[in-house]
Amino acid sequence: MATGELFEELYLCLEKNSKPAGVRLGSFVFAPNLAPVDPCTGAIKGKDLDGQIAATFEAIDAFLKSAGLGHDNLTRVTFFMTDLTDRKKLNPPWEKWFPNPNDRPPHKYVPTSLPEGILVSAQVMALADAPNRRVLEVEGLVHQDPMSMGAMTGNLITTSRIFAGQRSEDVSQHTANVFEGVSALLKDAGAQYSNLTQVTAFIGDAKFEDVVEKEFERLAGTGKDAPVLNVLETDLGGNGFPRIEILGLM
C-alpha cells in the first residue's frame, strides 16, 4: 500500500464526543469551527460576548494542545461573529497572545449566522515543524486593529484582508489599487501570483464581482494552474469596495 503524509483526526473530548474538532494532514493542522462550548457536553460557555470570546480563545488553545502545538504554530485565525459591532473586543486577548507586532499571524473577522446562543467562533490554521513566522508587510498599509497584513510560516503564505492603500471612487481603479497591495505583499514574501493557491475577495455589492474577476485574471491568468478565486458578498462596513485575502505556497 502506498504511503503518504500522516492524516489524523483531532479530538477535544475523547471520552464522550466522537465528533473531531479538526484534522492534521502532514504538518498542516486545521479546525473549521471552534465554538465557545464544552467539548464533552456541548453546553455554551459564556453568557455574553466577552465570556464567549474568552471561551473561544480557550478552545483554540485546547485544539493546538491536542496537536502538540502552540501559538507559535498559528498561521491564521478567522473569527466568525453574528454582529461585528463589538469586533474590537477581540483585540485585547489577541494582543496578549501576540504582544510583538513583528511576530503576529494574520487574523480576520467575518459576519455570519451561528447556532442559537453562539455569538462567536473561530477557524484555525496552524503548521507544525515550521521555522519562525515572518510578518509580511505592504508599505504604507496598516490595519487599525492589531492585525498583521500577512505572514510567511514555513512555506505557507497567509494574509488578513488586504485593502487599497490609495482610495479611488472609480471601482476599477480602486480594485487595481487593492491588487497592487497583494502584489507588494507577494514581493515581500519573494513570491508571485503563480505561488497562490486561493484568493478570496470580500465585496459589499454584487456589482463589484465582474471588476474583481477581470483584474484577477489579468494578474493571475486562467486555466487549471490558476489559483482559485472566491468572491464573497458580505457587509464589512465602509463603502463595500473589494478587499482581498490570499493563500499561497512557496
C-alpha atoms as a PDB file:
ATOM      1  CA  MET A   1       0.000   0.000   0.000  1.00  0.00           C
ATOM      2  CA  ALA A   2       1.318   3.454  -0.917  1.00  0.00           C
ATOM      3  CA  THR A   3       2.219   5.707   1.983  1.00  0.00           C
ATOM      4  CA  GLY A   4       1.704   9.450   2.189  1.00  0.00           C
ATOM      5  CA  GLU A   5       1.526  12.187   4.747  1.00  0.00           C
ATOM      6  CA  LEU A   6       0.023  11.435   8.133  1.00  0.00           C
ATOM      7  CA  PHE A   7      -3.715  12.110   8.336  1.00  0.00           C
ATOM      8  CA  GLU A   8      -5.133  12.362  11.832  1.00  0.00           C
ATOM      9  CA  GLU A   9      -8.478  13.455  13.251  1.00  0.00           C
ATOM     10  CA  LEU A  10      -8.108  15.641  16.343  1.00  0.00           C
ATOM     11  CA  TYR A  11     -10.483  15.449  19.295  1.00  0.00           C
ATOM     12  CA  LEU A  12     -11.093  17.667  22.315  1.00  0.00           C
ATOM     13  CA  CYS A  13     -13.184  15.101  24.212  1.00  0.00           C
ATOM     14  CA  LEU A  14     -12.166  11.515  23.532  1.00  0.00           C
ATOM     15  CA  GLU A  15     -14.361  10.079  26.274  1.00  0.00           C
ATOM     16  CA  LYS A  16     -17.796  11.410  25.373  1.00  0.00           C
ATOM     17  CA  ASN A  17     -17.746  13.036  21.948  1.00  0.00           C
ATOM     18  CA  SER A  18     -16.959  11.197  18.729  1.00  0.00           C
ATOM     19  CA  LYS A  19     -17.017  14.392  16.633  1.00  0.00           C
ATOM     20  CA  PRO A  20     -13.493  15.534  15.697  1.00  0.00           C
ATOM     21  CA  ALA A  21     -12.656  19.210  16.235  1.00  0.00           C
ATOM     22  CA  GLY A  22     -10.224  19.270  13.328  1.00  0.00           C
ATOM     23  CA  VAL A  23      -7.616  17.378  11.366  1.00  0.00           C
ATOM     24  CA  ARG A  24      -3.891  17.112  10.814  1.00  0.00           C
ATOM     25  CA  LEU A  25      -2.508  16.356   7.352  1.00  0.00           C
ATOM     26  CA  GLY A  26       1.254  16.075   7.474  1.00  0.00           C
ATOM     27  CA  SER A  27       2.383  19.278   9.149  1.00  0.00           C
ATOM     28  CA  PHE A  28      -0.814  21.199   8.380  1.00  0.00           C
ATOM     29  CA  VAL A  29      -3.398  21.449  11.168  1.00  0.00           C
ATOM     30  CA  PHE A  30      -6.911  22.803  10.638  1.00  0.00           C
ATOM     31  CA  ALA A  31     -10.065  23.325  12.702  1.00  0.00           C
ATOM     32  CA  PRO A  32     -13.094  24.634  10.783  1.00  0.00           C
ATOM     33  CA  ASN A  33     -15.177  25.860  13.701  1.00  0.00           C
ATOM     34  CA  LEU A  34     -14.078  26.071  17.321  1.00  0.00           C
ATOM     35  CA  ALA A  35     -17.005  27.366  19.356  1.00  0.00           C
ATOM     36  CA  PRO A  36     -17.300  28.537  22.994  1.00  0.00           C
ATOM     37  CA  VAL A  37     -18.808  25.255  24.168  1.00  0.00           C
ATOM     38  CA  ASP A  38     -17.827  22.431  26.465  1.00  0.00           C
ATOM     39  CA  PRO A  39     -16.405  19.808  24.062  1.00  0.00           C
ATOM     40  CA  CYS A  40     -17.881  16.940  26.051  1.00  0.00           C
ATOM     41  CA  THR A  41     -21.382  18.235  26.798  1.00  0.00           C
ATOM     42  CA  GLY A  42     -21.922  20.871  24.101  1.00  0.00           C
ATOM     43  CA  ALA A  43     -23.021  23.386  26.745  1.00  0.00           C
ATOM     44  CA  ILE A  44     -22.329  27.015  25.816  1.00  0.00           C
ATOM     45  CA  LYS A  45     -19.565  28.643  27.858  1.00  0.00           C
ATOM     46  CA  GLY A  46     -20.041  32.373  28.463  1.00  0.00           C
ATOM     47  CA  LYS A  47     -23.322  34.236  28.817  1.00  0.00           C
ATOM     48  CA  ASP A  48     -22.217  37.318  26.879  1.00  0.00           C
ATOM     49  CA  LEU A  49     -19.786  38.170  24.076  1.00  0.00           C
ATOM     50  CA  ASP A  50     -16.887  38.826  26.466  1.00  0.00           C
ATOM     51  CA  GLY A  51     -17.306  35.421  28.071  1.00  0.00           C
ATOM     52  CA  GLN A  52     -17.689  33.648  24.748  1.00  0.00           C
ATOM     53  CA  ILE A  53     -14.592  35.338  23.301  1.00  0.00           C
ATOM     54  CA  ALA A  54     -12.595  34.129  26.304  1.00  0.00           C
ATOM     55  CA  ALA A  55     -14.028  30.616  25.871  1.00  0.00           C
ATOM     56  CA  THR A  56     -13.221  30.639  22.139  1.00  0.00           C
ATOM     57  CA  PHE A  57      -9.591  31.518  22.843  1.00  0.00           C
ATOM     58  CA  GLU A  58      -9.559  28.670  25.379  1.00  0.00           C
ATOM     59  CA  ALA A  59     -10.923  26.344  22.683  1.00  0.00           C
ATOM     60  CA  ILE A  60      -8.158  27.406  20.286  1.00  0.00           C
ATOM     61  CA  ASP A  61      -5.562  26.690  22.973  1.00  0.00           C
ATOM     62  CA  ALA A  62      -7.082  23.274  23.670  1.00  0.00           C
ATOM     63  CA  PHE A  63      -7.129  22.412  19.971  1.00  0.00           C
ATOM     64  CA  LEU A  64      -3.498  23.431  19.475  1.00  0.00           C
ATOM     65  CA  LYS A  65      -2.534  21.374  22.527  1.00  0.00           C
ATOM     66  CA  SER A  66      -4.346  18.332  21.078  1.00  0.00           C
ATOM     67  CA  ALA A  67      -1.998  18.581  18.077  1.00  0.00           C
ATOM     68  CA  GLY A  68       1.083  19.183  20.232  1.00  0.00           C
ATOM     69  CA  LEU A  69       1.288  22.800  19.045  1.00  0.00           C
ATOM     70  CA  GLY A  70       1.233  26.311  20.496  1.00  0.00           C
ATOM     71  CA  HIS A  71       0.746  29.930  19.500  1.00  0.00           C
ATOM     72  CA  ASP A  72       3.995  29.957  17.520  1.00  0.00           C
ATOM     73  CA  ASN A  73       2.439  27.464  15.100  1.00  0.00           C
ATOM     74  CA  LEU A  74      -0.630  29.558  14.237  1.00  0.00           C
ATOM     75  CA  THR A  75      -0.739  30.722  10.628  1.00  0.00           C
ATOM     76  CA  ARG A  76      -4.172  32.368  10.530  1.00  0.00           C
ATOM     77  CA  VAL A  77      -7.348  32.599  12.601  1.00  0.00           C
ATOM     78  CA  THR A  78     -10.753  33.637  11.271  1.00  0.00           C
ATOM     79  CA  PHE A  79     -13.327  34.759  13.808  1.00  0.00           C
ATOM     80  CA  PHE A  80     -16.992  34.341  12.882  1.00  0.00           C
ATOM     81  CA  MET A  81     -19.387  36.721  14.613  1.00  0.00           C
ATOM     82  CA  THR A  82     -23.124  37.292  14.480  1.00  0.00           C
ATOM     83  CA  ASP A  83     -22.517  41.033  14.834  1.00  0.00           C
ATOM     84  CA  LEU A  84     -19.283  42.895  14.032  1.00  0.00           C
ATOM     85  CA  THR A  85     -20.246  45.912  16.138  1.00  0.00           C
ATOM     86  CA  ASP A  86     -18.095  44.739  19.046  1.00  0.00           C
ATOM     87  CA  ARG A  87     -15.292  43.189  16.977  1.00  0.00           C
ATOM     88  CA  LYS A  88     -12.691  45.287  18.811  1.00  0.00           C
ATOM     89  CA  LYS A  89     -13.281  43.074  21.848  1.00  0.00           C
ATOM     90  CA  LEU A  90     -11.130  40.517  20.029  1.00  0.00           C
ATOM     91  CA  ASN A  91      -8.142  42.853  20.215  1.00  0.00           C
ATOM     92  CA  PRO A  92      -7.086  42.595  23.900  1.00  0.00           C
ATOM     93  CA  PRO A  93      -6.784  38.770  24.007  1.00  0.00           C
ATOM     94  CA  TRP A  94      -5.102  38.752  20.577  1.00  0.00           C
ATOM     95  CA  GLU A  95      -2.528  41.333  21.696  1.00  0.00           C
ATOM     96  CA  LYS A  96      -1.983  39.344  24.896  1.00  0.00           C
ATOM     97  CA  TRP A  97      -1.166  36.269  22.822  1.00  0.00           C
ATOM     98  CA  PHE A  98       0.989  38.220  20.387  1.00  0.00           C
ATOM     99  CA  PRO A  99       2.437  41.330  22.086  1.00  0.00           C
ATOM    100  CA  ASN A 100       5.133  41.622  19.410  1.00  0.00           C
ATOM    101  CA  PRO A 101       3.622  43.033  16.174  1.00  0.00           C
ATOM    102  CA  ASN A 102       6.575  41.572  14.273  1.00  0.00           C
ATOM    103  CA  ASP A 103       5.528  38.054  15.256  1.00  0.00           C
ATOM    104  CA  ARG A 104       1.778  38.207  14.783  1.00  0.00           C
ATOM    105  CA  PRO A 105      -0.080  35.815  12.482  1.00  0.00           C
ATOM    106  CA  PRO A 106      -2.879  37.390  10.423  1.00  0.00           C
ATOM    107  CA  HIS A 107      -6.456  37.112  11.570  1.00  0.00           C
ATOM    108  CA  LYS A 108      -9.777  38.500  10.435  1.00  0.00           C
ATOM    109  CA  TYR A 109     -13.436  38.649  11.432  1.00  0.00           C
ATOM    110  CA  VAL A 110     -16.421  37.722   9.278  1.00  0.00           C
ATOM    111  CA  PRO A 111     -20.141  38.266   9.924  1.00  0.00           C
ATOM    112  CA  THR A 112     -22.221  35.100   9.691  1.00  0.00           C
ATOM    113  CA  SER A 113     -25.137  33.246  11.210  1.00  0.00           C
ATOM    114  CA  LEU A 114     -24.232  30.933  14.074  1.00  0.00           C
ATOM    115  CA  PRO A 115     -26.162  28.332  16.095  1.00  0.00           C
ATOM    116  CA  GLU A 116     -28.622  29.747  18.605  1.00  0.00           C
ATOM    117  CA  GLY A 117     -26.860  31.183  21.631  1.00  0.00           C
ATOM    118  CA  ILE A 118     -23.427  31.289  19.960  1.00  0.00           C
ATOM    119  CA  LEU A 119     -22.023  34.784  19.348  1.00  0.00           C
ATOM    120  CA  VAL A 120     -18.513  33.953  18.121  1.00  0.00           C
ATOM    121  CA  SER A 121     -16.449  31.021  16.874  1.00  0.00           C
ATOM    122  CA  ALA A 122     -13.084  30.529  15.203  1.00  0.00           C
ATOM    123  CA  GLN A 123     -11.474  28.769  12.261  1.00  0.00           C
ATOM    124  CA  VAL A 124      -7.837  27.885  12.884  1.00  0.00           C
ATOM    125  CA  MET A 125      -4.921  27.113  10.597  1.00  0.00           C
ATOM    126  CA  ALA A 126      -1.560  26.043  12.038  1.00  0.00           C
ATOM    127  CA  LEU A 127       1.678  24.499  10.850  1.00  0.00           C
ATOM    128  CA  ALA A 128       3.885  22.092  12.773  1.00  0.00           C
ATOM    129  CA  ASP A 129       7.654  21.762  12.326  1.00  0.00           C
ATOM    130  CA  ALA A 130       7.913  25.224  10.748  1.00  0.00           C
ATOM    131  CA  PRO A 131      10.617  27.860  11.282  1.00  0.00           C
ATOM    132  CA  ASN A 132       9.749  31.132  12.948  1.00  0.00           C
ATOM    133  CA  ARG A 133       6.931  33.172  11.464  1.00  0.00           C
ATOM    134  CA  ARG A 134       7.877  36.195   9.356  1.00  0.00           C
ATOM    135  CA  VAL A 135       5.376  39.035   9.153  1.00  0.00           C
ATOM    136  CA  LEU A 136       4.737  40.289   5.607  1.00  0.00           C
ATOM    137  CA  GLU A 137       4.109  43.962   5.012  1.00  0.00           C
ATOM    138  CA  VAL A 138       2.812  46.381   2.416  1.00  0.00           C
ATOM    139  CA  GLU A 139       4.491  49.755   2.679  1.00  0.00           C
ATOM    140  CA  GLY A 140       2.066  52.414   3.891  1.00  0.00           C
ATOM    141  CA  LEU A 141      -0.676  49.883   4.667  1.00  0.00           C
ATOM    142  CA  VAL A 142      -1.547  49.156   8.308  1.00  0.00           C
ATOM    143  CA  HIS A 143      -4.728  47.808   9.910  1.00  0.00           C
ATOM    144  CA  GLN A 144      -6.400  49.882  12.611  1.00  0.00           C
ATOM    145  CA  ASP A 145      -6.740  46.712  14.677  1.00  0.00           C
ATOM    146  CA  PRO A 146      -3.657  44.725  15.841  1.00  0.00           C
ATOM    147  CA  MET A 147      -3.563  42.554  12.714  1.00  0.00           C
ATOM    148  CA  SER A 148      -0.589  41.725  10.568  1.00  0.00           C
ATOM    149  CA  MET A 149      -1.217  42.153   6.857  1.00  0.00           C
ATOM    150  CA  GLY A 150       0.250  38.718   6.220  1.00  0.00           C
ATOM    151  CA  ALA A 151       2.820  36.166   7.324  1.00  0.00           C
ATOM    152  CA  MET A 152       5.131  33.501   5.988  1.00  0.00           C
ATOM    153  CA  THR A 153       5.221  30.399   8.173  1.00  0.00           C
ATOM    154  CA  GLY A 154       7.400  27.703   6.701  1.00  0.00           C
ATOM    155  CA  ASN A 155       6.411  27.689   3.039  1.00  0.00           C
ATOM    156  CA  LEU A 156       2.842  28.874   3.714  1.00  0.00           C
ATOM    157  CA  ILE A 157       1.709  32.424   2.899  1.00  0.00           C
ATOM    158  CA  THR A 158      -1.403  33.674   4.710  1.00  0.00           C
ATOM    159  CA  THR A 159      -2.956  37.122   4.939  1.00  0.00           C
ATOM    160  CA  SER A 160      -5.713  39.083   6.557  1.00  0.00           C
ATOM    161  CA  ARG A 161      -7.838  41.212   4.243  1.00  0.00           C
ATOM    162  CA  ILE A 162      -5.712  43.483   2.062  1.00  0.00           C
ATOM    163  CA  PHE A 163      -7.334  46.812   1.256  1.00  0.00           C
ATOM    164  CA  ALA A 164      -6.473  49.723  -1.029  1.00  0.00           C
ATOM    165  CA  GLY A 165      -3.688  51.997   0.148  1.00  0.00           C
ATOM    166  CA  GLN A 166      -4.978  54.707  -2.140  1.00  0.00           C
ATOM    167  CA  ARG A 167      -8.726  55.156  -2.308  1.00  0.00           C
ATOM    168  CA  SER A 168     -10.490  55.847  -5.584  1.00  0.00           C
ATOM    169  CA  GLU A 169     -14.200  56.302  -6.222  1.00  0.00           C
ATOM    170  CA  ASP A 170     -13.703  54.537  -9.546  1.00  0.00           C
ATOM    171  CA  VAL A 171     -14.379  50.839  -8.860  1.00  0.00           C
ATOM    172  CA  SER A 172     -11.909  49.556 -11.469  1.00  0.00           C
ATOM    173  CA  GLN A 173      -9.104  51.797 -10.226  1.00  0.00           C
ATOM    174  CA  HIS A 174      -9.873  51.017  -6.588  1.00  0.00           C
ATOM    175  CA  THR A 175      -9.776  47.270  -7.316  1.00  0.00           C
ATOM    176  CA  ALA A 176      -6.472  47.686  -9.141  1.00  0.00           C
ATOM    177  CA  ASN A 177      -5.128  49.527  -6.079  1.00  0.00           C
ATOM    178  CA  VAL A 178      -6.141  46.618  -3.844  1.00  0.00           C
ATOM    179  CA  PHE A 179      -4.334  44.144  -6.087  1.00  0.00           C
ATOM    180  CA  GLU A 180      -1.270  46.412  -6.032  1.00  0.00           C
ATOM    181  CA  GLY A 181      -1.200  45.721  -2.301  1.00  0.00           C
ATOM    182  CA  VAL A 182      -1.430  41.994  -2.991  1.00  0.00           C
ATOM    183  CA  SER A 183       1.486  42.259  -5.428  1.00  0.00           C
ATOM    184  CA  ALA A 184       3.553  44.205  -2.885  1.00  0.00           C
ATOM    185  CA  LEU A 185       2.933  41.606  -0.183  1.00  0.00           C
ATOM    186  CA  LEU A 186       3.880  38.784  -2.550  1.00  0.00           C
ATOM    187  CA  LYS A 187       7.086  40.635  -3.378  1.00  0.00           C
ATOM    188  CA  ASP A 188       7.916  40.892   0.333  1.00  0.00           C
ATOM    189  CA  ALA A 189       7.471  37.113   0.547  1.00  0.00           C
ATOM    190  CA  GLY A 190       9.667  36.538  -2.507  1.00  0.00           C
ATOM    191  CA  ALA A 191       6.628  35.097  -4.259  1.00  0.00           C
ATOM    192  CA  GLN A 192       4.467  35.831  -7.294  1.00  0.00           C
ATOM    193  CA  TYR A 193       0.924  35.116  -8.428  1.00  0.00           C
ATOM    194  CA  SER A 194       1.922  31.619  -9.578  1.00  0.00           C
ATOM    195  CA  ASN A 195       2.548  30.762  -5.905  1.00  0.00           C
ATOM    196  CA  LEU A 196      -1.050  31.495  -4.955  1.00  0.00           C
ATOM    197  CA  THR A 197      -3.451  28.635  -4.361  1.00  0.00           C
ATOM    198  CA  GLN A 198      -6.557  30.607  -3.357  1.00  0.00           C
ATOM    199  CA  VAL A 199      -7.764  34.198  -3.497  1.00  0.00           C
ATOM    200  CA  THR A 200     -10.864  35.384  -1.658  1.00  0.00           C
ATOM    201  CA  ALA A 201     -12.444  38.724  -2.472  1.00  0.00           C
ATOM    202  CA  PHE A 202     -14.877  40.254   0.027  1.00  0.00           C
ATOM    203  CA  ILE A 203     -17.297  42.668  -1.618  1.00  0.00           C
ATOM    204  CA  GLY A 204     -20.206  44.671  -0.268  1.00  0.00           C
ATOM    205  CA  ASP A 205     -22.194  44.677  -3.512  1.00  0.00           C
ATOM    206  CA  ALA A 206     -22.565  42.197  -6.370  1.00  0.00           C
ATOM    207  CA  LYS A 207     -21.669  44.950  -8.876  1.00  0.00           C
ATOM    208  CA  PHE A 208     -18.007  44.616  -7.852  1.00  0.00           C
ATOM    209  CA  GLU A 209     -17.724  40.933  -8.814  1.00  0.00           C
ATOM    210  CA  ASP A 210     -17.008  41.358 -12.542  1.00  0.00           C
ATOM    211  CA  VAL A 211     -14.350  44.000 -11.857  1.00  0.00           C
ATOM    212  CA  VAL A 212     -12.578  41.729  -9.352  1.00  0.00           C
ATOM    213  CA  GLU A 213     -12.671  38.762 -11.740  1.00  0.00           C
ATOM    214  CA  LYS A 214     -11.204  40.779 -14.618  1.00  0.00           C
ATOM    215  CA  GLU A 215      -8.326  42.185 -12.545  1.00  0.00           C
ATOM    216  CA  PHE A 216      -7.656  38.777 -11.008  1.00  0.00           C
ATOM    217  CA  GLU A 217      -7.497  37.077 -14.412  1.00  0.00           C
ATOM    218  CA  ARG A 218      -5.229  39.820 -15.745  1.00  0.00           C
ATOM    219  CA  LEU A 219      -2.729  39.209 -12.958  1.00  0.00           C
ATOM    220  CA  ALA A 220      -3.106  35.503 -12.182  1.00  0.00           C
ATOM    221  CA  GLY A 221      -4.199  34.137 -15.551  1.00  0.00           C
ATOM    222  CA  THR A 222      -6.803  31.478 -16.226  1.00  0.00           C
ATOM    223  CA  GLY A 223      -6.860  27.721 -16.648  1.00  0.00           C
ATOM    224  CA  LYS A 224      -6.201  24.757 -14.392  1.00  0.00           C
ATOM    225  CA  ASP A 225      -2.962  26.193 -12.967  1.00  0.00           C
ATOM    226  CA  ALA A 226      -4.518  29.496 -11.904  1.00  0.00           C
ATOM    227  CA  PRO A 227      -5.367  29.955  -8.213  1.00  0.00           C
ATOM    228  CA  VAL A 228      -8.974  29.509  -7.133  1.00  0.00           C
ATOM    229  CA  LEU A 229     -10.945  32.754  -6.829  1.00  0.00           C
ATOM    230  CA  ASN A 230     -13.810  33.011  -4.342  1.00  0.00           C
ATOM    231  CA  VAL A 231     -15.965  36.138  -4.286  1.00  0.00           C
ATOM    232  CA  LEU A 232     -17.990  36.578  -1.095  1.00  0.00           C
ATOM    233  CA  GLU A 233     -20.660  39.253  -0.801  1.00  0.00           C
ATOM    234  CA  THR A 234     -20.874  40.372   2.814  1.00  0.00           C
ATOM    235  CA  ASP A 235     -21.237  43.540   4.865  1.00  0.00           C
ATOM    236  CA  LEU A 236     -17.913  44.545   6.406  1.00  0.00           C
ATOM    237  CA  GLY A 237     -18.847  48.182   6.769  1.00  0.00           C
ATOM    238  CA  GLY A 238     -17.284  51.019   4.816  1.00  0.00           C
ATOM    239  CA  ASN A 239     -18.095  51.519   1.150  1.00  0.00           C
ATOM    240  CA  GLY A 240     -18.255  47.841   0.237  1.00  0.00           C
ATOM    241  CA  PHE A 241     -15.303  48.080  -2.165  1.00  0.00           C
ATOM    242  CA  PRO A 242     -13.267  44.867  -2.597  1.00  0.00           C
ATOM    243  CA  ARG A 243     -10.815  43.586  -0.005  1.00  0.00           C
ATOM    244  CA  ILE A 244      -8.576  40.646  -0.870  1.00  0.00           C
ATOM    245  CA  GLU A 245      -7.264  37.698   1.137  1.00  0.00           C
ATOM    246  CA  ILE A 246      -4.753  35.191  -0.234  1.00  0.00           C
ATOM    247  CA  LEU A 247      -3.245  31.783   0.470  1.00  0.00           C
ATOM    248  CA  GLY A 248      -0.082  30.607  -1.205  1.00  0.00           C
ATOM    249  CA  LEU A 249       2.771  28.110  -1.121  1.00  0.00           C
ATOM    250  CA  MET A 250       6.415  28.641  -1.896  1.00  0.00           C
END
